[in-house]
Amino acid sequence: MNSKVLLILRILFGVFLVFFGANKFGQWLTPPGEMTADMQNYFGALMATKTMTLVAVVEILAGLSLLLNKYTSLMMVIMMSVSINAVLFHLTLDPANTMMAAVMLILNIVMLYAYKDNYKGLLS
């Protein structure tokens, strides 16, 4: 992949992750539309178990990792669970707002592919 394109995507994804991870603490963005009862139950369980705090920390660390280009391979593997869960949540409970989660998953896959040489030992 072109190194300049990868650099731009890496920085954009890093900013995206830091911004949305920090938003889980600051809550300056409001969710679009009303939350259904199923969505409230889901987020209630995630908040009660502090899982959303963990997700926020992971997103911020992954974003900083991308911005600093340190430990990026490791953080992209860890971020796959967050990306897949975000897409599945939106596909099942909030289909109208799936686009941002899909973008996150696509960028995560692009970063995994860009650092594929770092996974050779893991996959052999």
C-alpha atoms as a PDB file:
ATOM      1  CA  MET A   1       0.000   0.000   0.000  1.00  0.00           C
ATOM      2  CA  ASN A   2       1.200   3.511  -0.763  1.00  0.00           C
ATOM      3  CA  SER A   3       3.013   4.848   2.302  1.00  0.00           C
ATOM      4  CA  LYS A   4       1.438   8.316   2.062  1.00  0.00           C
ATOM      5  CA  VAL A   5      -2.070   6.889   1.828  1.00  0.00           C
ATOM      6  CA  LEU A   6      -1.328   4.596   4.772  1.00  0.00           C
ATOM      7  CA  LEU A   7       0.030   7.529   6.781  1.00  0.00           C
ATOM      8  CA  ILE A   8      -3.115   9.578   6.133  1.00  0.00           C
ATOM      9  CA  LEU A   9      -5.421   6.655   6.976  1.00  0.00           C
ATOM     10  CA  ARG A  10      -3.407   5.859  10.107  1.00  0.00           C
ATOM     11  CA  ILE A  11      -3.638   9.452  11.343  1.00  0.00           C
ATOM     12  CA  LEU A  12      -7.344   9.771  10.505  1.00  0.00           C
ATOM     13  CA  PHE A  13      -8.154   6.491  12.234  1.00  0.00           C
ATOM     14  CA  GLY A  14      -6.053   7.517  15.234  1.00  0.00           C
ATOM     15  CA  VAL A  15      -7.861  10.848  15.593  1.00  0.00           C
ATOM     16  CA  PHE A  16     -11.203   9.061  15.107  1.00  0.00           C
ATOM     17  CA  LEU A  17     -10.437   6.591  17.905  1.00  0.00           C
ATOM     18  CA  VAL A  18      -9.089   9.176  20.351  1.00  0.00           C
ATOM     19  CA  PHE A  19     -12.069  11.470  19.725  1.00  0.00           C
ATOM     20  CA  PHE A  20     -14.764   8.821  20.112  1.00  0.00           C
ATOM     21  CA  GLY A  21     -12.958   7.117  22.998  1.00  0.00           C
ATOM     22  CA  ALA A  22     -12.699  10.426  24.867  1.00  0.00           C
ATOM     23  CA  ASN A  23     -16.355  11.121  24.057  1.00  0.00           C
ATOM     24  CA  LYS A  24     -17.287   8.112  26.198  1.00  0.00           C
ATOM     25  CA  PHE A  25     -15.879  10.058  29.168  1.00  0.00           C
ATOM     26  CA  GLY A  26     -16.875  13.611  28.171  1.00  0.00           C
ATOM     27  CA  GLN A  27     -20.181  12.847  26.412  1.00  0.00           C
ATOM     28  CA  TRP A  28     -20.149  16.007  24.262  1.00  0.00           C
ATOM     29  CA  LEU A  29     -21.802  14.169  21.358  1.00  0.00           C
ATOM     30  CA  THR A  30     -25.361  13.023  21.827  1.00  0.00           C
ATOM     31  CA  PRO A  31     -26.574   9.789  20.248  1.00  0.00           C
ATOM     32  CA  PRO A  32     -28.670  10.379  17.125  1.00  0.00           C
ATOM     33  CA  GLY A  33     -32.344   9.676  17.752  1.00  0.00           C
ATOM     34  CA  GLU A  34     -34.105   7.945  20.611  1.00  0.00           C
ATOM     35  CA  MET A  35     -32.689   4.868  22.269  1.00  0.00           C
ATOM     36  CA  THR A  36     -35.012   1.883  22.205  1.00  0.00           C
ATOM     37  CA  ALA A  37     -35.596  -0.240  25.302  1.00  0.00           C
ATOM     38  CA  ASP A  38     -33.239  -2.912  23.921  1.00  0.00           C
ATOM     39  CA  MET A  39     -30.521  -0.328  23.371  1.00  0.00           C
ATOM     40  CA  GLN A  40     -30.998   1.058  26.883  1.00  0.00           C
ATOM     41  CA  ASN A  41     -30.762  -2.444  28.358  1.00  0.00           C
ATOM     42  CA  TYR A  42     -27.605  -3.177  26.376  1.00  0.00           C
ATOM     43  CA  PHE A  43     -25.870   0.064  27.359  1.00  0.00           C
ATOM     44  CA  GLY A  44     -27.123  -0.256  30.928  1.00  0.00           C
ATOM     45  CA  ALA A  45     -25.397  -3.625  31.222  1.00  0.00           C
ATOM     46  CA  LEU A  46     -22.200  -2.275  29.641  1.00  0.00           C
ATOM     47  CA  MET A  47     -22.160   0.720  31.976  1.00  0.00           C
ATOM     48  CA  ALA A  48     -22.952  -1.347  35.092  1.00  0.00           C
ATOM     49  CA  THR A  49     -20.026  -3.689  34.413  1.00  0.00           C
ATOM     50  CA  LYS A  50     -17.657  -0.832  33.467  1.00  0.00           C
ATOM     51  CA  THR A  51     -17.206  -2.388  30.025  1.00  0.00           C
ATOM     52  CA  MET A  52     -17.771   0.966  28.302  1.00  0.00           C
ATOM     53  CA  THR A  53     -14.949   2.462  30.368  1.00  0.00           C
ATOM     54  CA  LEU A  54     -12.665  -0.337  29.196  1.00  0.00           C
ATOM     55  CA  VAL A  55     -13.773   0.200  25.576  1.00  0.00           C
ATOM     56  CA  ALA A  56     -13.062   3.927  25.897  1.00  0.00           C
ATOM     57  CA  VAL A  57      -9.577   3.287  27.288  1.00  0.00           C
ATOM     58  CA  VAL A  58      -8.827   0.745  24.555  1.00  0.00           C
ATOM     59  CA  GLU A  59     -10.019   3.168  21.854  1.00  0.00           C
ATOM     60  CA  ILE A  60      -7.891   6.006  23.247  1.00  0.00           C
ATOM     61  CA  LEU A  61      -4.811   3.781  23.574  1.00  0.00           C
ATOM     62  CA  ALA A  62      -5.315   2.393  20.059  1.00  0.00           C
ATOM     63  CA  GLY A  63      -5.737   5.920  18.687  1.00  0.00           C
ATOM     64  CA  LEU A  64      -2.575   7.120  20.405  1.00  0.00           C
ATOM     65  CA  SER A  65      -0.803   4.013  19.166  1.00  0.00           C
ATOM     66  CA  LEU A  66      -1.774   4.878  15.605  1.00  0.00           C
ATOM     67  CA  LEU A  67      -0.805   8.524  15.990  1.00  0.00           C
ATOM     68  CA  LEU A  68       2.572   7.666  17.513  1.00  0.00           C
ATOM     69  CA  ASN A  69       3.060   4.581  15.284  1.00  0.00           C
ATOM     70  CA  LYS A  70       4.020   2.454  18.311  1.00  0.00           C
ATOM     71  CA  TYR A  71       2.550  -0.986  19.068  1.00  0.00           C
ATOM     72  CA  THR A  72       0.092  -0.473  16.214  1.00  0.00           C
ATOM     73  CA  SER A  73      -0.006  -4.143  15.207  1.00  0.00           C
ATOM     74  CA  LEU A  74      -1.002  -5.214  18.709  1.00  0.00           C
ATOM     75  CA  MET A  75      -3.604  -2.496  19.141  1.00  0.00           C
ATOM     76  CA  MET A  76      -5.244  -3.267  15.802  1.00  0.00           C
ATOM     77  CA  VAL A  77      -5.733  -6.902  16.844  1.00  0.00           C
ATOM     78  CA  ILE A  78      -7.273  -5.750  20.126  1.00  0.00           C
ATOM     79  CA  MET A  79      -9.434  -3.164  18.322  1.00  0.00           C
ATOM     80  CA  MET A  80     -10.986  -5.837  16.084  1.00  0.00           C
ATOM     81  CA  SER A  81     -13.192  -6.980  18.965  1.00  0.00           C
ATOM     82  CA  VAL A  82     -14.399  -3.415  19.511  1.00  0.00           C
ATOM     83  CA  SER A  83     -14.947  -2.851  15.782  1.00  0.00           C
ATOM     84  CA  ILE A  84     -16.874  -6.071  15.252  1.00  0.00           C
ATOM     85  CA  ASN A  85     -19.027  -5.493  18.324  1.00  0.00           C
ATOM     86  CA  ALA A  86     -19.839  -1.954  17.203  1.00  0.00           C
ATOM     87  CA  VAL A  87     -20.939  -3.185  13.769  1.00  0.00           C
ATOM     88  CA  LEU A  88     -23.002  -6.027  15.253  1.00  0.00           C
ATOM     89  CA  PHE A  89     -24.655  -3.668  17.723  1.00  0.00           C
ATOM     90  CA  HIS A  90     -25.652  -1.267  14.965  1.00  0.00           C
ATOM     91  CA  LEU A  91     -26.755  -3.974  12.548  1.00  0.00           C
ATOM     92  CA  THR A  92     -29.053  -5.558  15.124  1.00  0.00           C
ATOM     93  CA  LEU A  93     -30.255  -2.644  17.265  1.00  0.00           C
ATOM     94  CA  ASP A  94     -29.615   0.550  15.291  1.00  0.00           C
ATOM     95  CA  PRO A  95     -29.370  -0.200  11.547  1.00  0.00           C
ATOM     96  CA  ALA A  96     -29.863   3.419  10.509  1.00  0.00           C
ATOM     97  CA  ASN A  97     -26.585   4.443  12.157  1.00  0.00           C
ATOM     98  CA  THR A  98     -24.318   1.613  11.034  1.00  0.00           C
ATOM     99  CA  MET A  99     -22.071   3.742   8.790  1.00  0.00           C
ATOM    100  CA  MET A 100     -19.566   5.001  11.392  1.00  0.00           C
ATOM    101  CA  ALA A 101     -19.136   1.535  12.891  1.00  0.00           C
ATOM    102  CA  ALA A 102     -18.616   0.110   9.396  1.00  0.00           C
ATOM    103  CA  VAL A 103     -15.998   2.790   8.664  1.00  0.00           C
ATOM    104  CA  MET A 104     -14.216   1.879  11.902  1.00  0.00           C
ATOM    105  CA  LEU A 105     -14.213  -1.813  10.960  1.00  0.00           C
ATOM    106  CA  ILE A 106     -12.958  -1.097   7.427  1.00  0.00           C
ATOM    107  CA  LEU A 107     -10.156   1.140   8.717  1.00  0.00           C
ATOM    108  CA  ASN A 108      -9.251  -1.518  11.271  1.00  0.00           C
ATOM    109  CA  ILE A 109      -9.027  -4.150   8.524  1.00  0.00           C
ATOM    110  CA  VAL A 110      -6.922  -1.810   6.359  1.00  0.00           C
ATOM    111  CA  MET A 111      -4.512  -1.266   9.253  1.00  0.00           C
ATOM    112  CA  LEU A 112      -4.312  -5.008   9.925  1.00  0.00           C
ATOM    113  CA  TYR A 113      -3.493  -5.577   6.268  1.00  0.00           C
ATOM    114  CA  ALA A 114      -0.927  -2.778   6.251  1.00  0.00           C
ATOM    115  CA  TYR A 115       0.916  -4.388   9.176  1.00  0.00           C
ATOM    116  CA  LYS A 116       0.416  -7.978   7.955  1.00  0.00           C
ATOM    117  CA  ASP A 117       4.163  -8.718   8.003  1.00  0.00           C
ATOM    118  CA  ASN A 118       4.145  -8.261  11.790  1.00  0.00           C
ATOM    119  CA  TYR A 119       1.685 -11.152  12.175  1.00  0.00           C
ATOM    120  CA  LYS A 120       3.706 -13.798  10.315  1.00  0.00           C
ATOM    121  CA  GLY A 121       5.112 -15.304  13.501  1.00  0.00           C
ATOM    122  CA  LEU A 122       1.689 -15.363  15.101  1.00  0.00           C
ATOM    123  CA  LEU A 123       0.092 -17.098  12.127  1.00  0.00           C
ATOM    124  CA  SER A 124       2.799 -19.659  11.372  1.00  0.00           C
END
